[in-house]
């Protein structure tokens, strides 16, 4: 009976974590789309002086990955701190495994790739002439 409760609670927490990742990813995508709009002239200038679609695409994709990587790092630090505090005050015994740290970095990088792809594509497809005219 206790293992069934623990399993149900684990599934519940995993569901909340999954929803949080999707919401965070949508936030990253929204922020990157805003960045593309704000930097339209810069993108047009870069394309006008010879930057290829691939260069623009990789730049914006890298920015999204860096953002999510930093978010993952902060999340790992906060999670480890909370785990330490809970263990220290004997609320519940917890530990942070190296596997979970790598998994967190991997998932945050994947979120950056998945949700940064569309804004990067949009930036790379801008017409340089229209982008330079953009107000």
Foldseek 3Di string as FASTA:
>chain_A
DVVVVVVVVVVVVVVVVVVVLVVVLLVLLVVLLVVLLVCLQVLLVCVVVPDALVNLLVVQLVVLLVVLLVVLVVVVVVVQVVQVVCVVVVVDHDDDDPVNSVVSNVSSNVSSNVSSNVSSNVSSPDHSVVSNVRD
